[in-house]
Amino acid sequence: MRGSGDELDGWIAQLREIPDAERTFTVGPEQAEREFGFDAPAVRELIARGLPHAAGDDGAGPLLWVSDVQYLGLRLGCARVYQGVLNRWASALTSLSARAETPVAIRCRAYAEPGTVVELLAPGGERVRAEAGPGGAPLAFETIMRGQLPPLPPPLERTLGELLADYASYDFCWLWPPLETKLDWVRRTRIANCRAAAGLLVEEAPALGVEARLAYGLLLAPPYSTPHNWAEVRTDDGWVALDPLLLSLLTRFTELDAAAWPPHRSPGAILLALADPGTPLVVEADSGAPLEATFLTKPLVEA
């Protein structure tokens, strides 16, 4: 592992601000090494330095929390799987924002028992339906993403600039409900994910005379997109997507140019709003129960 002992102790102390009750210990030794780069000696060192853990069954080794090892693995440079995810996000942001617009095809595979009718939320409130077969339910839609988005109007940039820069400086960690919406805890610890940072902006922007709202949908990053939360602020020309913590994450851990992507620039080229936060994107049509799904994503343009 790279990084000094003092750095490691500081990172673990920061993670210990997260209550143990929020953790679900599921990452065993094999997954810790395969996905996050922590072999057995490294895991023992992390635990000795105070990383929360639980005992595994049948002597299989300690269990860790996925967000803890994502956080540490990125900072230590050993979480190759998740580093690859961030690289895809940065590449998608660079390529899609370089075009005036990009048609994109989303092929969703929802995992349900054969014969189950499944619904997928699509742009404009449309609901796409399909019946699941042996490999799940295939659903699809196409949309057009605007890439060369107008900047925030200068008066709005001046009004929000300090606030957005502050949110960009928060310590990114993948949080889960309900912790990501406990904004007093987020402010105290300065630990946040994009949902938490968006919640702060929506709560605090009105005091500056700016209308803001939460948005939820997909972060488009071929070949696979992921559900994502962000904030939008109202301008004279409509709503503008903002996600300063996402940009900070990418400029810190990928080659995305920080000068080209300051906290007030919109990453809306890769953000497709589909529903209110907390709304499942894929559900059983009859019961409304949420379903796991993957979102294969392909730009319909030549490279």
Protein backbone atom coordinates (compact mmCIF):
# COMPACT_ATOMS: atom_id res chain seq x y z
CA MET A 1 0.00 0.00 0.00
CA ARG A 2 1.24 3.46 -0.79
CA GLY A 3 0.68 6.35 1.60
CA SER A 4 2.30 7.08 4.93
CA GLY A 5 1.19 5.62 8.22
CA ASP A 6 0.03 9.05 9.35
CA GLU A 7 -2.09 9.44 6.21
CA LEU A 8 -3.61 6.01 6.71
CA ASP A 9 -4.38 6.74 10.35
CA GLY A 10 -6.01 10.03 9.34
CA TRP A 11 -8.18 8.38 6.69
CA ILE A 12 -9.30 5.65 9.09
CA ALA A 13 -10.06 8.25 11.77
CA GLN A 14 -12.21 10.07 9.24
CA LEU A 15 -14.06 6.87 8.36
CA ARG A 16 -14.70 6.20 12.03
CA GLU A 17 -16.88 9.34 12.03
CA ILE A 18 -19.39 7.11 10.24
CA PRO A 19 -21.47 5.27 12.87
CA ASP A 20 -20.93 1.51 12.86
CA ALA A 21 -24.72 1.11 12.72
CA GLU A 22 -24.58 2.44 9.15
CA ARG A 23 -22.20 -0.30 8.05
CA THR A 24 -23.05 -3.67 6.56
CA PHE A 25 -19.97 -5.88 6.68
CA THR A 26 -20.06 -8.02 3.55
CA VAL A 27 -16.61 -7.75 1.92
CA GLY A 28 -14.62 -10.90 2.60
CA PRO A 29 -10.91 -11.53 1.97
CA GLU A 30 -11.31 -12.65 -1.65
CA GLN A 31 -13.38 -9.62 -2.65
CA ALA A 32 -11.14 -7.27 -0.67
CA GLU A 33 -8.14 -8.39 -2.72
CA ARG A 34 -9.87 -8.80 -6.09
CA GLU A 35 -11.79 -5.51 -6.20
CA PHE A 36 -9.91 -3.25 -3.79
CA GLY A 37 -6.32 -4.52 -3.81
CA PHE A 38 -6.11 -5.39 -0.11
CA ASP A 39 -4.46 -8.77 0.50
CA ALA A 40 -4.60 -10.52 3.86
CA PRO A 41 -1.58 -8.69 5.40
CA ALA A 42 -2.99 -5.34 4.25
CA VAL A 43 -6.40 -6.13 5.78
CA ARG A 44 -4.73 -7.07 9.06
CA GLU A 45 -2.85 -3.76 9.06
CA LEU A 46 -6.02 -1.77 8.38
CA ILE A 47 -7.83 -3.52 11.23
CA ALA A 48 -4.85 -3.01 13.57
CA ARG A 49 -5.02 0.70 12.79
CA GLY A 50 -8.70 0.80 13.75
CA LEU A 51 -10.73 0.06 10.61
CA PRO A 52 -14.18 -1.26 11.65
CA HIS A 53 -14.80 -4.91 10.77
CA ALA A 54 -16.83 -7.97 11.70
CA ALA A 55 -15.83 -11.59 12.17
CA GLY A 56 -16.43 -13.83 9.18
CA ASP A 57 -18.21 -17.17 9.41
CA ASP A 58 -16.29 -20.41 9.84
CA GLY A 59 -12.92 -18.72 10.14
CA ALA A 60 -13.11 -17.35 6.61
CA GLY A 61 -11.49 -14.08 7.65
CA PRO A 62 -12.74 -10.65 8.70
CA LEU A 63 -15.52 -8.85 6.85
CA LEU A 64 -15.23 -5.18 5.85
CA TRP A 65 -17.69 -2.53 4.66
CA VAL A 66 -17.64 -1.78 0.95
CA SER A 67 -17.57 2.01 1.34
CA ASP A 68 -14.59 1.85 3.72
CA VAL A 69 -12.48 -0.16 1.30
CA GLN A 70 -13.58 1.93 -1.70
CA TYR A 71 -12.54 5.07 0.17
CA LEU A 72 -9.16 3.69 1.24
CA GLY A 73 -8.46 1.84 -1.99
CA LEU A 74 -8.82 4.97 -4.10
CA ARG A 75 -6.55 7.01 -1.84
CA LEU A 76 -3.96 4.24 -1.66
CA GLY A 77 -4.08 3.62 -5.42
CA CYS A 78 -5.02 -0.05 -5.19
CA ALA A 79 -8.77 -0.07 -5.94
CA ARG A 80 -8.30 -0.85 -9.62
CA VAL A 81 -11.94 -1.75 -10.31
CA TYR A 82 -13.30 1.50 -8.90
CA GLN A 83 -10.48 3.53 -10.39
CA GLY A 84 -11.61 2.15 -13.73
CA VAL A 85 -15.18 3.28 -13.03
CA LEU A 86 -14.03 6.84 -12.32
CA ASN A 87 -11.88 6.82 -15.46
CA ARG A 88 -14.96 5.87 -17.50
CA TRP A 89 -16.96 8.70 -15.95
CA ALA A 90 -14.22 11.22 -16.73
CA SER A 91 -13.85 9.94 -20.29
CA ALA A 92 -17.60 10.14 -20.87
CA LEU A 93 -17.73 13.69 -19.50
CA THR A 94 -14.89 14.78 -21.76
CA SER A 95 -16.25 13.16 -24.91
CA LEU A 96 -19.96 13.96 -24.53
CA SER A 97 -19.32 17.58 -23.50
CA ALA A 98 -17.22 18.10 -26.64
CA ARG A 99 -20.27 17.59 -28.90
CA ALA A 100 -23.24 19.88 -29.34
CA GLU A 101 -25.45 16.85 -28.79
CA THR A 102 -25.11 13.08 -28.74
CA PRO A 103 -27.82 10.47 -29.39
CA VAL A 104 -27.49 7.69 -26.83
CA ALA A 105 -29.07 4.24 -26.62
CA ILE A 106 -29.80 2.72 -23.20
CA ARG A 107 -30.30 -1.04 -23.11
CA CYS A 108 -31.52 -2.01 -19.65
CA ARG A 109 -31.43 -5.58 -18.41
CA ALA A 110 -33.71 -6.00 -15.40
CA TYR A 111 -33.34 -9.09 -13.26
CA ALA A 112 -36.71 -10.73 -12.59
CA GLU A 113 -38.32 -14.14 -12.70
CA PRO A 114 -39.39 -15.26 -16.20
CA GLY A 115 -42.89 -14.04 -17.00
CA THR A 116 -42.64 -10.96 -14.76
CA VAL A 117 -43.70 -7.73 -16.46
CA VAL A 118 -41.10 -5.06 -15.78
CA GLU A 119 -41.23 -1.26 -16.16
CA LEU A 120 -38.35 1.13 -16.83
CA LEU A 121 -38.60 4.89 -16.35
CA ALA A 122 -37.54 6.74 -19.49
CA PRO A 123 -37.18 10.46 -20.34
CA GLY A 124 -40.34 12.53 -20.25
CA GLY A 125 -42.07 10.25 -17.77
CA GLU A 126 -42.47 7.45 -20.32
CA ARG A 127 -42.60 3.91 -18.94
CA VAL A 128 -41.08 1.16 -21.06
CA ARG A 129 -42.48 -2.35 -20.44
CA ALA A 130 -41.17 -5.81 -21.19
CA GLU A 131 -41.71 -9.36 -19.97
CA ALA A 132 -38.75 -11.10 -18.38
CA GLY A 133 -37.35 -14.18 -20.05
CA PRO A 134 -34.66 -16.61 -18.82
CA GLY A 135 -32.01 -13.85 -18.93
CA GLY A 136 -34.14 -11.12 -17.37
CA ALA A 137 -36.27 -8.40 -18.95
CA PRO A 138 -34.80 -6.45 -21.88
CA LEU A 139 -35.88 -2.79 -21.97
CA ALA A 140 -34.52 0.07 -24.04
CA PHE A 141 -34.88 3.70 -24.96
CA GLU A 142 -32.92 6.32 -26.86
CA THR A 143 -32.33 9.93 -25.90
CA ILE A 144 -30.28 12.92 -27.00
CA MET A 145 -27.79 14.44 -24.57
CA ARG A 146 -26.80 18.08 -24.87
CA GLY A 147 -23.06 18.45 -24.51
CA GLN A 148 -21.99 22.04 -25.00
CA LEU A 149 -24.07 23.46 -22.19
CA PRO A 150 -24.19 27.20 -21.49
CA PRO A 151 -22.28 28.29 -18.37
CA LEU A 152 -23.99 29.61 -15.30
CA PRO A 153 -24.86 33.28 -15.83
CA PRO A 154 -22.09 35.41 -14.25
CA PRO A 155 -24.34 36.84 -11.50
CA LEU A 156 -25.41 33.32 -10.51
CA GLU A 157 -21.84 32.05 -10.65
CA ARG A 158 -20.76 34.85 -8.31
CA THR A 159 -23.66 34.12 -5.97
CA LEU A 160 -23.04 30.37 -5.76
CA GLY A 161 -19.30 30.25 -6.36
CA GLU A 162 -18.15 30.14 -2.75
CA LEU A 163 -20.83 27.62 -1.79
CA LEU A 164 -20.01 25.29 -4.70
CA ALA A 165 -16.28 25.49 -3.99
CA ASP A 166 -16.97 24.55 -0.38
CA TYR A 167 -19.03 21.50 -1.37
CA ALA A 168 -16.25 20.44 -3.76
CA SER A 169 -13.85 20.36 -0.79
CA TYR A 170 -15.91 17.82 1.17
CA ASP A 171 -14.34 14.40 1.70
CA PHE A 172 -16.00 12.05 -0.78
CA CYS A 173 -17.21 8.68 0.50
CA TRP A 174 -19.96 6.45 -0.87
CA LEU A 175 -22.74 6.81 1.70
CA TRP A 176 -26.05 5.00 1.85
CA PRO A 177 -29.56 5.97 2.97
CA PRO A 178 -30.42 7.33 5.42
CA LEU A 179 -26.98 8.73 6.33
CA GLU A 180 -26.63 10.66 3.07
CA THR A 181 -29.65 12.79 3.99
CA LYS A 182 -28.52 13.58 7.56
CA LEU A 183 -27.22 17.00 6.58
CA ASP A 184 -26.22 18.14 10.08
CA TRP A 185 -23.93 15.11 10.29
CA VAL A 186 -22.60 15.84 6.78
CA ARG A 187 -21.78 19.45 7.72
CA ARG A 188 -20.08 18.41 10.96
CA THR A 189 -17.90 15.69 9.47
CA ARG A 190 -17.54 17.15 5.95
CA ILE A 191 -17.99 13.60 4.63
CA ALA A 192 -20.39 13.44 1.68
CA ASN A 193 -21.45 11.69 -1.46
CA CYS A 194 -23.13 13.46 -4.39
CA ARG A 195 -26.61 13.02 -2.88
CA ALA A 196 -25.48 14.65 0.36
CA ALA A 197 -23.76 17.55 -1.42
CA ALA A 198 -26.86 18.05 -3.57
CA GLY A 199 -29.01 18.12 -0.43
CA LEU A 200 -26.80 20.82 1.06
CA LEU A 201 -27.11 22.96 -2.06
CA VAL A 202 -30.88 22.57 -2.24
CA GLU A 203 -31.18 23.48 1.45
CA GLU A 204 -28.82 26.46 1.42
CA ALA A 205 -29.27 28.03 -2.03
CA PRO A 206 -32.66 29.67 -1.24
CA ALA A 207 -30.96 31.82 1.42
CA LEU A 208 -28.94 33.30 -1.46
CA GLY A 209 -32.05 33.88 -3.54
CA VAL A 210 -31.48 30.86 -5.80
CA GLU A 211 -34.11 28.19 -6.45
CA ALA A 212 -32.68 24.67 -6.39
CA ARG A 213 -34.05 21.14 -6.56
CA LEU A 214 -32.83 17.55 -6.36
CA ALA A 215 -32.54 15.47 -9.52
CA TYR A 216 -32.15 11.72 -9.98
CA GLY A 217 -31.51 9.51 -12.96
CA LEU A 218 -28.49 8.05 -14.75
CA LEU A 219 -24.87 9.08 -14.98
CA LEU A 220 -24.17 8.08 -18.59
CA ALA A 221 -20.75 6.50 -18.98
CA PRO A 222 -20.41 3.85 -21.71
CA PRO A 223 -20.45 0.93 -21.61
CA TYR A 224 -22.46 0.95 -18.34
CA SER A 225 -24.31 3.80 -16.70
CA THR A 226 -25.24 4.07 -13.04
CA PRO A 227 -28.08 5.64 -11.00
CA HIS A 228 -27.02 9.01 -9.64
CA ASN A 229 -28.24 12.06 -7.67
CA TRP A 230 -27.34 15.71 -8.25
CA ALA A 231 -28.74 19.23 -7.80
CA GLU A 232 -30.24 21.63 -10.31
CA VAL A 233 -30.58 25.41 -10.02
CA ARG A 234 -33.01 27.60 -11.89
CA THR A 235 -31.76 30.19 -14.36
CA ASP A 236 -33.67 32.44 -16.75
CA ASP A 237 -33.22 29.73 -19.40
CA GLY A 238 -34.27 26.74 -17.30
CA TRP A 239 -32.65 24.30 -14.88
CA VAL A 240 -28.88 23.71 -14.80
CA ALA A 241 -27.36 20.53 -13.32
CA LEU A 242 -24.57 21.05 -10.77
CA ASP A 243 -22.44 18.43 -9.02
CA PRO A 244 -19.30 20.03 -7.57
CA LEU A 245 -18.40 16.96 -5.51
CA LEU A 246 -18.49 14.70 -8.58
CA LEU A 247 -16.16 17.07 -10.43
CA SER A 248 -13.85 17.22 -7.41
CA LEU A 249 -13.78 13.41 -7.24
CA LEU A 250 -12.88 13.11 -10.93
CA THR A 251 -10.25 15.86 -10.98
CA ARG A 252 -8.63 14.31 -7.90
CA PHE A 253 -8.57 10.66 -8.95
CA THR A 254 -8.52 10.83 -12.78
CA GLU A 255 -6.85 12.97 -15.40
CA LEU A 256 -9.87 15.26 -15.76
CA ASP A 257 -8.55 18.83 -16.00
CA ALA A 258 -9.45 20.75 -12.85
CA ALA A 259 -8.95 24.09 -14.57
CA ALA A 260 -11.43 23.13 -17.30
CA TRP A 261 -13.94 21.71 -14.80
CA PRO A 262 -14.29 24.10 -11.84
CA PRO A 263 -17.04 23.43 -9.27
CA HIS A 264 -19.50 25.83 -10.94
CA ARG A 265 -19.36 24.12 -14.36
CA SER A 266 -22.29 21.84 -15.18
CA PRO A 267 -21.54 18.15 -15.82
CA GLY A 268 -25.01 17.88 -17.37
CA ALA A 269 -23.61 16.30 -20.54
CA ILE A 270 -23.58 12.96 -18.70
CA LEU A 271 -26.57 13.45 -16.35
CA LEU A 272 -29.96 12.19 -17.53
CA ALA A 273 -32.78 13.17 -15.15
CA LEU A 274 -35.53 10.56 -14.94
CA ALA A 275 -37.37 10.76 -11.60
CA ASP A 276 -37.59 12.24 -8.15
CA PRO A 277 -34.83 11.08 -5.78
CA GLY A 278 -35.64 7.74 -4.20
CA THR A 279 -37.87 6.64 -7.08
CA PRO A 280 -36.86 3.18 -8.37
CA LEU A 281 -35.88 3.34 -12.04
CA VAL A 282 -36.87 -0.29 -12.69
CA VAL A 283 -39.81 -2.03 -10.99
CA GLU A 284 -42.16 -4.98 -11.23
CA ALA A 285 -45.15 -3.57 -13.11
CA ASP A 286 -47.77 -5.20 -10.87
CA SER A 287 -46.29 -4.65 -7.40
CA GLY A 288 -44.04 -1.65 -7.96
CA ALA A 289 -41.21 -3.50 -6.20
CA PRO A 290 -37.77 -2.22 -7.25
CA LEU A 291 -35.51 -4.52 -9.27
CA GLU A 292 -31.79 -4.74 -9.79
CA ALA A 293 -30.73 -3.82 -13.32
CA THR A 294 -27.76 -2.97 -15.49
CA PHE A 295 -27.80 -0.10 -17.98
CA LEU A 296 -25.75 -0.83 -21.10
CA THR A 297 -25.06 2.53 -22.73
CA LYS A 298 -23.89 3.30 -26.26
CA PRO A 299 -23.47 6.67 -28.01
CA LEU A 300 -25.03 6.48 -31.48
CA VAL A 301 -22.22 8.42 -33.16
CA GLU A 302 -19.00 7.49 -34.87
CA ALA A 303 -15.86 7.82 -32.77
